[in-house]
PDB file of N, CA and C in Angstrom:
ATOM      1  N   MET A   1      16.352 -37.209 -48.140  1.00  0.00           N
ATOM      2  CA  MET A   1      17.150 -37.309 -46.946  1.00  0.00           C
ATOM      3  C   MET A   1      17.402 -35.940 -46.334  1.00  0.00           C
ATOM      4  N   ALA A   2      17.667 -34.951 -47.173  1.00  0.00           N
ATOM      5  CA  ALA A   2      17.931 -33.606 -46.676  1.00  0.00           C
ATOM      6  C   ALA A   2      16.670 -32.996 -46.094  1.00  0.00           C
ATOM      7  N   LYS A   3      15.544 -33.365 -46.682  1.00  0.00           N
ATOM      8  CA  LYS A   3      14.276 -32.840 -46.189  1.00  0.00           C
ATOM      9  C   LYS A   3      13.984 -33.351 -44.782  1.00  0.00           C
ATOM     10  N   GLY A   4      14.248 -34.604 -44.505  1.00  0.00           N
ATOM     11  CA  GLY A   4      14.043 -35.168 -43.175  1.00  0.00           C
ATOM     12  C   GLY A   4      14.986 -34.557 -42.157  1.00  0.00           C
ATOM     13  N   PHE A   5      16.214 -34.264 -42.585  1.00  0.00           N
ATOM     14  CA  PHE A   5      17.192 -33.646 -41.687  1.00  0.00           C
ATOM     15  C   PHE A   5      16.751 -32.236 -41.288  1.00  0.00           C
ATOM     16  N   VAL A   6      16.281 -31.463 -42.244  1.00  0.00           N
ATOM     17  CA  VAL A   6      15.814 -30.100 -41.975  1.00  0.00           C
ATOM     18  C   VAL A   6      14.594 -30.150 -41.056  1.00  0.00           C
ATOM     19  N   PHE A   7      13.705 -31.101 -41.288  1.00  0.00           N
ATOM     20  CA  PHE A   7      12.516 -31.229 -40.453  1.00  0.00           C
ATOM     21  C   PHE A   7      12.905 -31.553 -39.003  1.00  0.00           C
ATOM     22  N   ARG A   8      13.829 -32.507 -38.806  1.00  0.00           N
ATOM     23  CA  ARG A   8      14.290 -32.843 -37.454  1.00  0.00           C
ATOM     24  C   ARG A   8      14.991 -31.658 -36.802  1.00  0.00           C
ATOM     25  N   PHE A   9      15.776 -30.958 -37.594  1.00  0.00           N
ATOM     26  CA  PHE A   9      16.500 -29.795 -37.091  1.00  0.00           C
ATOM     27  C   PHE A   9      15.513 -28.733 -36.581  1.00  0.00           C
ATOM     28  N   LYS A  10      14.485 -28.462 -37.353  1.00  0.00           N
ATOM     29  CA  LYS A  10      13.462 -27.493 -36.959  1.00  0.00           C
ATOM     30  C   LYS A  10      12.670 -28.003 -35.755  1.00  0.00           C
ATOM     31  N   LEU A  11      12.395 -29.299 -35.738  1.00  0.00           N
ATOM     32  CA  LEU A  11      11.641 -29.879 -34.639  1.00  0.00           C
ATOM     33  C   LEU A  11      12.414 -29.767 -33.323  1.00  0.00           C
ATOM     34  N   HIS A  12      13.714 -29.990 -33.360  1.00  0.00           N
ATOM     35  CA  HIS A  12      14.524 -29.869 -32.150  1.00  0.00           C
ATOM     36  C   HIS A  12      14.508 -28.435 -31.612  1.00  0.00           C
ATOM     37  N   TYR A  13      14.649 -27.477 -32.521  1.00  0.00           N
ATOM     38  CA  TYR A  13      14.601 -26.084 -32.090  1.00  0.00           C
ATOM     39  C   TYR A  13      13.220 -25.707 -31.572  1.00  0.00           C
ATOM     40  N   LEU A  14      12.187 -26.198 -32.213  1.00  0.00           N
ATOM     41  CA  LEU A  14      10.825 -25.915 -31.784  1.00  0.00           C
ATOM     42  C   LEU A  14      10.564 -26.521 -30.404  1.00  0.00           C
ATOM     43  N   LEU A  15      11.009 -27.757 -30.190  1.00  0.00           N
ATOM     44  CA  LEU A  15      10.840 -28.386 -28.877  1.00  0.00           C
ATOM     45  C   LEU A  15      11.650 -27.667 -27.809  1.00  0.00           C
ATOM     46  N   ALA A  16      12.847 -27.257 -28.141  1.00  0.00           N
ATOM     47  CA  ALA A  16      13.673 -26.519 -27.181  1.00  0.00           C
ATOM     48  C   ALA A  16      13.024 -25.182 -26.831  1.00  0.00           C
ATOM     49  N   LEU A  17      12.495 -24.507 -27.836  1.00  0.00           N
ATOM     50  CA  LEU A  17      11.815 -23.231 -27.597  1.00  0.00           C
ATOM     51  C   LEU A  17      10.568 -23.434 -26.743  1.00  0.00           C
ATOM     52  N   ALA A  18       9.795 -24.464 -27.039  1.00  0.00           N
ATOM     53  CA  ALA A  18       8.588 -24.748 -26.252  1.00  0.00           C
ATOM     54  C   ALA A  18       8.965 -25.090 -24.814  1.00  0.00           C
ATOM     55  N   GLY A  19      10.006 -25.887 -24.634  1.00  0.00           N
ATOM     56  CA  GLY A  19      10.468 -26.220 -23.283  1.00  0.00           C
ATOM     57  C   GLY A  19      10.912 -24.975 -22.521  1.00  0.00           C
ATOM     58  N   PHE A  20      11.624 -24.094 -23.203  1.00  0.00           N
ATOM     59  CA  PHE A  20      12.076 -22.852 -22.572  1.00  0.00           C
ATOM     60  C   PHE A  20      10.894 -21.988 -22.155  1.00  0.00           C
ATOM     61  N   VAL A  21       9.905 -21.858 -23.014  1.00  0.00           N
ATOM     62  CA  VAL A  21       8.726 -21.045 -22.701  1.00  0.00           C
ATOM     63  C   VAL A  21       7.973 -21.630 -21.509  1.00  0.00           C
ATOM     64  N   VAL A  22       7.786 -22.944 -21.515  1.00  0.00           N
ATOM     65  CA  VAL A  22       7.093 -23.588 -20.394  1.00  0.00           C
ATOM     66  C   VAL A  22       7.888 -23.391 -19.107  1.00  0.00           C
ATOM     67  N   TRP A  23       9.194 -23.561 -19.174  1.00  0.00           N
ATOM     68  CA  TRP A  23      10.048 -23.380 -17.990  1.00  0.00           C
ATOM     69  C   TRP A  23       9.921 -21.953 -17.448  1.00  0.00           C
ATOM     70  N   MET A  24       9.982 -20.963 -18.332  1.00  0.00           N
ATOM     71  CA  MET A  24       9.919 -19.565 -17.898  1.00  0.00           C
ATOM     72  C   MET A  24       8.535 -19.193 -17.376  1.00  0.00           C
ATOM     73  N   LEU A  25       7.496 -19.818 -17.906  1.00  0.00           N
ATOM     74  CA  LEU A  25       6.143 -19.487 -17.460  1.00  0.00           C
ATOM     75  C   LEU A  25       5.794 -20.112 -16.113  1.00  0.00           C
ATOM     76  N   PHE A  26       6.264 -21.323 -15.844  1.00  0.00           N
ATOM     77  CA  PHE A  26       5.767 -22.042 -14.686  1.00  0.00           C
ATOM     78  C   PHE A  26       6.816 -22.424 -13.648  1.00  0.00           C
ATOM     79  N   PHE A  27       8.023 -22.742 -14.052  1.00  0.00           N
ATOM     80  CA  PHE A  27       8.969 -23.352 -13.118  1.00  0.00           C
ATOM     81  C   PHE A  27      10.089 -22.439 -12.659  1.00  0.00           C
ATOM     82  N   ASP A  28      10.369 -21.392 -13.347  1.00  0.00           N
ATOM     83  CA  ASP A  28      11.494 -20.531 -13.006  1.00  0.00           C
ATOM     84  C   ASP A  28      11.201 -19.731 -11.740  1.00  0.00           C
ATOM     85  N   GLU A  29      12.255 -19.303 -11.085  1.00  0.00           N
ATOM     86  CA  GLU A  29      12.126 -18.491  -9.870  1.00  0.00           C
ATOM     87  C   GLU A  29      11.447 -17.161 -10.175  1.00  0.00           C
ATOM     88  N   LYS A  30      11.652 -16.666 -11.374  1.00  0.00           N
ATOM     89  CA  LYS A  30      11.064 -15.384 -11.781  1.00  0.00           C
ATOM     90  C   LYS A  30       9.996 -15.612 -12.843  1.00  0.00           C
ATOM     91  N   ASP A  31       9.089 -16.545 -12.575  1.00  0.00           N
ATOM     92  CA  ASP A  31       8.053 -16.850 -13.561  1.00  0.00           C
ATOM     93  C   ASP A  31       7.062 -15.696 -13.680  1.00  0.00           C
ATOM     94  N   VAL A  32       6.229 -15.779 -14.671  1.00  0.00           N
ATOM     95  CA  VAL A  32       5.306 -14.690 -15.004  1.00  0.00           C
ATOM     96  C   VAL A  32       4.330 -14.422 -13.867  1.00  0.00           C
ATOM     97  N   PHE A  33       3.802 -15.459 -13.270  1.00  0.00           N
ATOM     98  CA  PHE A  33       2.796 -15.283 -12.225  1.00  0.00           C
ATOM     99  C   PHE A  33       3.398 -14.632 -10.981  1.00  0.00           C
ATOM    100  N   THR A  34       4.617 -15.010 -10.649  1.00  0.00           N
ATOM    101  CA  THR A  34       5.303 -14.387  -9.509  1.00  0.00           C
ATOM    102  C   THR A  34       5.581 -12.924  -9.804  1.00  0.00           C
ATOM    103  N   GLN A  35       5.966 -12.614 -11.024  1.00  0.00           N
ATOM    104  CA  GLN A  35       6.233 -11.224 -11.396  1.00  0.00           C
ATOM    105  C   GLN A  35       4.966 -10.376 -11.314  1.00  0.00           C
ATOM    106  N   ILE A  36       3.843 -10.927 -11.746  1.00  0.00           N
ATOM    107  CA  ILE A  36       2.578 -10.191 -11.650  1.00  0.00           C
ATOM    108  C   ILE A  36       2.225  -9.943 -10.189  1.00  0.00           C
ATOM    109  N   LYS A  37       2.388 -10.969  -9.365  1.00  0.00           N
ATOM    110  CA  LYS A  37       2.100 -10.835  -7.937  1.00  0.00           C
ATOM    111  C   LYS A  37       3.001  -9.777  -7.301  1.00  0.00           C
ATOM    112  N   ARG A  38       4.272  -9.805  -7.631  1.00  0.00           N
ATOM    113  CA  ARG A  38       5.210  -8.825  -7.063  1.00  0.00           C
ATOM    114  C   ARG A  38       4.916  -7.416  -7.549  1.00  0.00           C
ATOM    115  N   THR A  39       4.480  -7.277  -8.790  1.00  0.00           N
ATOM    116  CA  THR A  39       4.120  -5.959  -9.310  1.00  0.00           C
ATOM    117  C   THR A  39       2.924  -5.393  -8.550  1.00  0.00           C
ATOM    118  N   ARG A  40       1.933  -6.232  -8.275  1.00  0.00           N
ATOM    119  CA  ARG A  40       0.774  -5.784  -7.498  1.00  0.00           C
ATOM    120  C   ARG A  40       1.184  -5.383  -6.085  1.00  0.00           C
ATOM    121  N   GLU A  41       2.048  -6.186  -5.461  1.00  0.00           N
ATOM    122  CA  GLU A  41       2.524  -5.849  -4.116  1.00  0.00           C
ATOM    123  C   GLU A  41       3.272  -4.527  -4.121  1.00  0.00           C
ATOM    124  N   LEU A  42       4.090  -4.320  -5.150  1.00  0.00           N
ATOM    125  CA  LEU A  42       4.844  -3.070  -5.263  1.00  0.00           C
ATOM    126  C   LEU A  42       3.914  -1.875  -5.393  1.00  0.00           C
ATOM    127  N   GLU A  43       2.851  -2.018  -6.185  1.00  0.00           N
ATOM    128  CA  GLU A  43       1.885  -0.935  -6.334  1.00  0.00           C
ATOM    129  C   GLU A  43       1.204  -0.624  -5.001  1.00  0.00           C
ATOM    130  N   LYS A  44       0.836  -1.669  -4.256  1.00  0.00           N
ATOM    131  CA  LYS A  44       0.219  -1.452  -2.950  1.00  0.00           C
ATOM    132  C   LYS A  44       1.176  -0.731  -2.010  1.00  0.00           C
ATOM    133  N   ILE A  45       2.430  -1.139  -2.003  1.00  0.00           N
ATOM    134  CA  ILE A  45       3.421  -0.515  -1.124  1.00  0.00           C
ATOM    135  C   ILE A  45       3.654   0.927  -1.529  1.00  0.00           C
ATOM    136  N   GLU A  46       3.724   1.200  -2.826  1.00  0.00           N
ATOM    137  CA  GLU A  46       3.903   2.580  -3.281  1.00  0.00           C
ATOM    138  C   GLU A  46       2.704   3.442  -2.903  1.00  0.00           C
ATOM    139  N   ASN A  47       1.503   2.886  -2.968  1.00  0.00           N
ATOM    140  CA  ASN A  47       0.312   3.630  -2.547  1.00  0.00           C
ATOM    141  C   ASN A  47       0.360   3.938  -1.055  1.00  0.00           C
ATOM    142  N   ARG A  48       0.808   2.952  -0.257  1.00  0.00           N
ATOM    143  CA  ARG A  48       0.927   3.184   1.183  1.00  0.00           C
ATOM    144  C   ARG A  48       1.993   4.225   1.474  1.00  0.00           C
ATOM    145  N   ILE A  49       3.088   4.206   0.734  1.00  0.00           N
ATOM    146  CA  ILE A  49       4.144   5.210   0.918  1.00  0.00           C
ATOM    147  C   ILE A  49       3.594   6.596   0.630  1.00  0.00           C
ATOM    148  N   ALA A  50       2.852   6.733  -0.467  1.00  0.00           N
ATOM    149  CA  ALA A  50       2.265   8.036  -0.812  1.00  0.00           C
ATOM    150  C   ALA A  50       1.293   8.487   0.278  1.00  0.00           C
ATOM    151  N   PHE A  51       0.476   7.553   0.783  1.00  0.00           N
ATOM    152  CA  PHE A  51      -0.479   7.894   1.841  1.00  0.00           C
ATOM    153  C   PHE A  51       0.254   8.383   3.088  1.00  0.00           C
ATOM    154  N   TYR A  52       1.281   7.654   3.514  1.00  0.00           N
ATOM    155  CA  TYR A  52       1.990   8.039   4.731  1.00  0.00           C
ATOM    156  C   TYR A  52       2.780   9.328   4.550  1.00  0.00           C
ATOM    157  N   ARG A  53       3.291   9.574   3.364  1.00  0.00           N
ATOM    158  CA  ARG A  53       3.966  10.865   3.116  1.00  0.00           C
ATOM    159  C   ARG A  53       2.966  12.013   3.235  1.00  0.00           C
ATOM    160  N   GLN A  54       1.770  11.794   2.722  1.00  0.00           N
ATOM    161  CA  GLN A  54       0.736  12.812   2.828  1.00  0.00           C
ATOM    162  C   GLN A  54       0.357  13.032   4.298  1.00  0.00           C
ATOM    163  N   GLU A  55       0.228  11.953   5.051  1.00  0.00           N
ATOM    164  CA  GLU A  55      -0.082  12.070   6.480  1.00  0.00           C
ATOM    165  C   GLU A  55       1.037  12.801   7.227  1.00  0.00           C
ATOM    166  N   ILE A  56       2.279  12.517   6.895  1.00  0.00           N
ATOM    167  CA  ILE A  56       3.410  13.195   7.531  1.00  0.00           C
ATOM    168  C   ILE A  56       3.367  14.685   7.233  1.00  0.00           C
ATOM    169  N   ASP A  57       3.074  15.053   5.976  1.00  0.00           N
ATOM    170  CA  ASP A  57       2.978  16.472   5.625  1.00  0.00           C
ATOM    171  C   ASP A  57       1.862  17.163   6.413  1.00  0.00           C
ATOM    172  N   GLN A  58       0.711  16.506   6.540  1.00  0.00           N
ATOM    173  CA  GLN A  58      -0.386  17.096   7.307  1.00  0.00           C
ATOM    174  C   GLN A  58      -0.013  17.247   8.776  1.00  0.00           C
ATOM    175  N   THR A  59       0.664  16.255   9.319  1.00  0.00           N
ATOM    176  CA  THR A  59       1.066  16.316  10.725  1.00  0.00           C
ATOM    177  C   THR A  59       2.086  17.423  10.943  1.00  0.00           C
ATOM    178  N   LYS A  60       3.022  17.589  10.012  1.00  0.00           N
ATOM    179  CA  LYS A  60       4.001  18.679  10.126  1.00  0.00           C
ATOM    180  C   LYS A  60       3.311  20.040  10.101  1.00  0.00           C
ATOM    181  N   LYS A  61       2.318  20.188   9.219  1.00  0.00           N
ATOM    182  CA  LYS A  61       1.569  21.446   9.172  1.00  0.00           C
ATOM    183  C   LYS A  61       0.830  21.690  10.485  1.00  0.00           C
ATOM    184  N   GLN A  62       0.236  20.633  11.023  1.00  0.00           N
ATOM    185  CA  GLN A  62      -0.491  20.770  12.285  1.00  0.00           C
ATOM    186  C   GLN A  62       0.465  21.138  13.426  1.00  0.00           C
ATOM    187  N   ILE A  63       1.630  20.523  13.454  1.00  0.00           N
ATOM    188  CA  ILE A  63       2.617  20.846  14.497  1.00  0.00           C
ATOM    189  C   ILE A  63       3.060  22.285  14.372  1.00  0.00           C
ATOM    190  N   GLU A  64       3.281  22.749  13.148  1.00  0.00           N
ATOM    191  CA  GLU A  64       3.691  24.135  12.951  1.00  0.00           C
ATOM    192  C   GLU A  64       2.595  25.094  13.402  1.00  0.00           C
ATOM    193  N   GLN A  65       1.325  24.751  13.116  1.00  0.00           N
ATOM    194  CA  GLN A  65       0.220  25.596  13.568  1.00  0.00           C
ATOM    195  C   GLN A  65       0.153  25.625  15.089  1.00  0.00           C
ATOM    196  N   LEU A  66       0.380  24.474  15.715  1.00  0.00           N
ATOM    197  CA  LEU A  66       0.330  24.437  17.179  1.00  0.00           C
ATOM    198  C   LEU A  66       1.477  25.229  17.794  1.00  0.00           C
ATOM    199  N   ASP A  67       2.618  25.243  17.117  1.00  0.00           N
ATOM    200  CA  ASP A  67       3.757  26.016  17.628  1.00  0.00           C
ATOM    201  C   ASP A  67       3.567  27.521  17.480  1.00  0.00           C
ATOM    202  N   THR A  68       2.862  27.942  16.441  1.00  0.00           N
ATOM    203  CA  THR A  68       2.772  29.382  16.161  1.00  0.00           C
ATOM    204  C   THR A  68       1.463  30.014  16.614  1.00  0.00           C
ATOM    205  N   ASP A  69       0.380  29.265  16.705  1.00  0.00           N
ATOM    206  CA  ASP A  69      -0.925  29.843  17.007  1.00  0.00           C
ATOM    207  C   ASP A  69      -1.430  29.337  18.365  1.00  0.00           C
ATOM    208  N   PRO A  70      -1.477  30.204  19.381  1.00  0.00           N
ATOM    209  CA  PRO A  70      -1.957  29.770  20.697  1.00  0.00           C
ATOM    210  C   PRO A  70      -3.427  29.330  20.694  1.00  0.00           C
ATOM    211  N   ALA A  71      -4.236  29.918  19.825  1.00  0.00           N
ATOM    212  CA  ALA A  71      -5.644  29.525  19.760  1.00  0.00           C
ATOM    213  C   ALA A  71      -5.776  28.082  19.258  1.00  0.00           C
ATOM    214  N   MET A  72      -4.954  27.707  18.296  1.00  0.00           N
ATOM    215  CA  MET A  72      -4.973  26.325  17.800  1.00  0.00           C
ATOM    216  C   MET A  72      -4.486  25.356  18.872  1.00  0.00           C
ATOM    217  N   LEU A  73      -3.494  25.775  19.646  1.00  0.00           N
ATOM    218  CA  LEU A  73      -2.990  24.932  20.733  1.00  0.00           C
ATOM    219  C   LEU A  73      -4.079  24.697  21.775  1.00  0.00           C
ATOM    220  N   GLU A  74      -4.815  25.766  22.103  1.00  0.00           N
ATOM    221  CA  GLU A  74      -5.899  25.625  23.070  1.00  0.00           C
ATOM    222  C   GLU A  74      -7.008  24.724  22.515  1.00  0.00           C
ATOM    223  N   LYS A  75      -7.359  24.897  21.251  1.00  0.00           N
ATOM    224  CA  LYS A  75      -8.386  24.069  20.622  1.00  0.00           C
ATOM    225  C   LYS A  75      -7.964  22.596  20.617  1.00  0.00           C
ATOM    226  N   PHE A  76      -6.713  22.342  20.292  1.00  0.00           N
ATOM    227  CA  PHE A  76      -6.199  20.975  20.268  1.00  0.00           C
ATOM    228  C   PHE A  76      -6.251  20.349  21.660  1.00  0.00           C
ATOM    229  N   ALA A  77      -5.830  21.110  22.665  1.00  0.00           N
ATOM    230  CA  ALA A  77      -5.824  20.593  24.036  1.00  0.00           C
ATOM    231  C   ALA A  77      -7.252  20.318  24.519  1.00  0.00           C
ATOM    232  N   ARG A  78      -8.174  21.161  24.166  1.00  0.00           N
ATOM    233  CA  ARG A  78      -9.564  20.956  24.578  1.00  0.00           C
ATOM    234  C   ARG A  78     -10.175  19.730  23.901  1.00  0.00           C
ATOM    235  N   GLU A  79      -9.915  19.577  22.613  1.00  0.00           N
ATOM    236  CA  GLU A  79     -10.541  18.474  21.877  1.00  0.00           C
ATOM    237  C   GLU A  79      -9.894  17.128  22.173  1.00  0.00           C
ATOM    238  N   LYS A  80      -8.585  17.093  22.215  1.00  0.00           N
ATOM    239  CA  LYS A  80      -7.891  15.809  22.362  1.00  0.00           C
ATOM    240  C   LYS A  80      -7.770  15.362  23.815  1.00  0.00           C
ATOM    241  N   TYR A  81      -7.491  16.281  24.692  1.00  0.00           N
ATOM    242  CA  TYR A  81      -7.183  15.915  26.078  1.00  0.00           C
ATOM    243  C   TYR A  81      -8.229  16.407  27.076  1.00  0.00           C
ATOM    244  N   PHE A  82      -9.330  16.938  26.574  1.00  0.00           N
ATOM    245  CA  PHE A  82     -10.454  17.393  27.411  1.00  0.00           C
ATOM    246  C   PHE A  82      -9.998  18.357  28.506  1.00  0.00           C
ATOM    247  N   MET A  83      -9.068  19.226  28.174  1.00  0.00           N
ATOM    248  CA  MET A  83      -8.623  20.235  29.136  1.00  0.00           C
ATOM    249  C   MET A  83      -9.652  21.348  29.188  1.00  0.00           C
ATOM    250  N   LYS A  84      -9.624  22.081  30.307  1.00  0.00           N
ATOM    251  CA  LYS A  84     -10.613  23.131  30.488  1.00  0.00           C
ATOM    252  C   LYS A  84      -9.964  24.304  31.208  1.00  0.00           C
ATOM    253  N   ARG A  85     -10.685  25.395  31.172  1.00  0.00           N
ATOM    254  CA  ARG A  85     -10.243  26.556  31.942  1.00  0.00           C
ATOM    255  C   ARG A  85     -10.710  26.384  33.384  1.00  0.00           C
ATOM    256  N   ASP A  86     -10.200  27.226  34.282  1.00  0.00           N
ATOM    257  CA  ASP A  86     -10.522  27.092  35.707  1.00  0.00           C
ATOM    258  C   ASP A  86     -12.007  27.290  35.997  1.00  0.00           C
ATOM    259  N   ASN A  87     -12.643  28.165  35.269  1.00  0.00           N
ATOM    260  CA  ASN A  87     -14.048  28.478  35.575  1.00  0.00           C
ATOM    261  C   ASN A  87     -15.034  27.680  34.709  1.00  0.00           C
ATOM    262  N   GLU A  88     -14.598  26.612  34.084  1.00  0.00           N
ATOM    263  CA  GLU A  88     -15.465  25.827  33.211  1.00  0.00           C
ATOM    264  C   GLU A  88     -15.636  24.404  33.751  1.00  0.00           C
ATOM    265  N   GLU A  89     -16.697  23.784  33.288  1.00  0.00           N
ATOM    266  CA  GLU A  89     -16.899  22.357  33.545  1.00  0.00           C
ATOM    267  C   GLU A  89     -17.049  21.663  32.205  1.00  0.00           C
ATOM    268  N   VAL A  90     -16.506  20.475  32.108  1.00  0.00           N
ATOM    269  CA  VAL A  90     -16.557  19.722  30.857  1.00  0.00           C
ATOM    270  C   VAL A  90     -17.396  18.480  31.080  1.00  0.00           C
ATOM    271  N   PHE A  91     -18.364  18.290  30.212  1.00  0.00           N
ATOM    272  CA  PHE A  91     -19.198  17.102  30.256  1.00  0.00           C
ATOM    273  C   PHE A  91     -18.912  16.272  29.002  1.00  0.00           C
ATOM    274  N   ILE A  92     -18.617  15.015  29.196  1.00  0.00           N
ATOM    275  CA  ILE A  92     -18.346  14.123  28.077  1.00  0.00           C
ATOM    276  C   ILE A  92     -19.531  13.177  27.945  1.00  0.00           C
ATOM    277  N   ILE A  93     -20.160  13.234  26.795  1.00  0.00           N
ATOM    278  CA  ILE A  93     -21.322  12.404  26.539  1.00  0.00           C
ATOM    279  C   ILE A  93     -20.938  11.339  25.523  1.00  0.00           C
ATOM    280  N   GLU A  94     -21.088  10.102  25.925  1.00  0.00           N
ATOM    281  CA  GLU A  94     -20.795   9.000  25.001  1.00  0.00           C
ATOM    282  C   GLU A  94     -22.103   8.321  24.633  1.00  0.00           C
ATOM    283  N   TYR A  95     -22.283   8.121  23.352  1.00  0.00           N
ATOM    284  CA  TYR A  95     -23.495   7.490  22.860  1.00  0.00           C
ATOM    285  C   TYR A  95     -23.237   6.016  22.633  1.00  0.00           C
ATOM    286  N   ASP A  96     -24.219   5.207  22.973  1.00  0.00           N
ATOM    287  CA  ASP A  96     -24.129   3.785  22.694  1.00  0.00           C
ATOM    288  C   ASP A  96     -24.544   3.578  21.242  1.00  0.00           C
ATOM    289  N   THR A  97     -23.629   3.082  20.443  1.00  0.00           N
ATOM    290  CA  THR A  97     -23.894   2.965  19.011  1.00  0.00           C
ATOM    291  C   THR A  97     -24.595   1.655  18.660  1.00  0.00           C
ATOM    292  N   LEU A  98     -24.695   0.743  19.614  1.00  0.00           N
ATOM    293  CA  LEU A  98     -25.372  -0.522  19.353  1.00  0.00           C
ATOM    294  C   LEU A  98     -26.889  -0.339  19.476  1.00  0.00           C
ATOM    295  N   LYS A  99     -27.601  -0.825  18.499  1.00  0.00           N
ATOM    296  CA  LYS A  99     -29.047  -0.740  18.534  1.00  0.00           C
ATOM    297  C   LYS A  99     -29.595  -1.917  19.294  1.00  0.00           C
ATOM    298  N   LYS A 100     -30.522  -1.635  20.194  1.00  0.00           N
ATOM    299  CA  LYS A 100     -31.156  -2.703  20.977  1.00  0.00           C
ATOM    300  C   LYS A 100     -32.486  -3.046  20.332  1.00  0.00           C
ATOM    301  N   ASN A 101     -32.747  -4.321  20.215  1.00  0.00           N
ATOM    302  CA  ASN A 101     -34.001  -4.764  19.601  1.00  0.00           C
ATOM    303  C   ASN A 101     -35.054  -5.049  20.630  1.00  0.00           C
TER     304      ASN A 101
END
């Protein structure tokens, strides 16, 4: 009789533990699959943050160069805005990148 009681007692705990594991794996709001998905999203966001911080640092350096170096300012204006000196002419050549058969 005591042996059957111990067996039922262990079986109840085993079933409760199995139910808890299944609940935590599949049905809970913070299940394993959702946590993995959120971890991947977090890694992507952290990578984007690092990328944009690097871009901000490069832009700050470029702004500082444009503020301090007149030659860089002239180069920037010529390349980005196609500005020219009074005695120059600027020709813009655009290539068609589509191949015709």
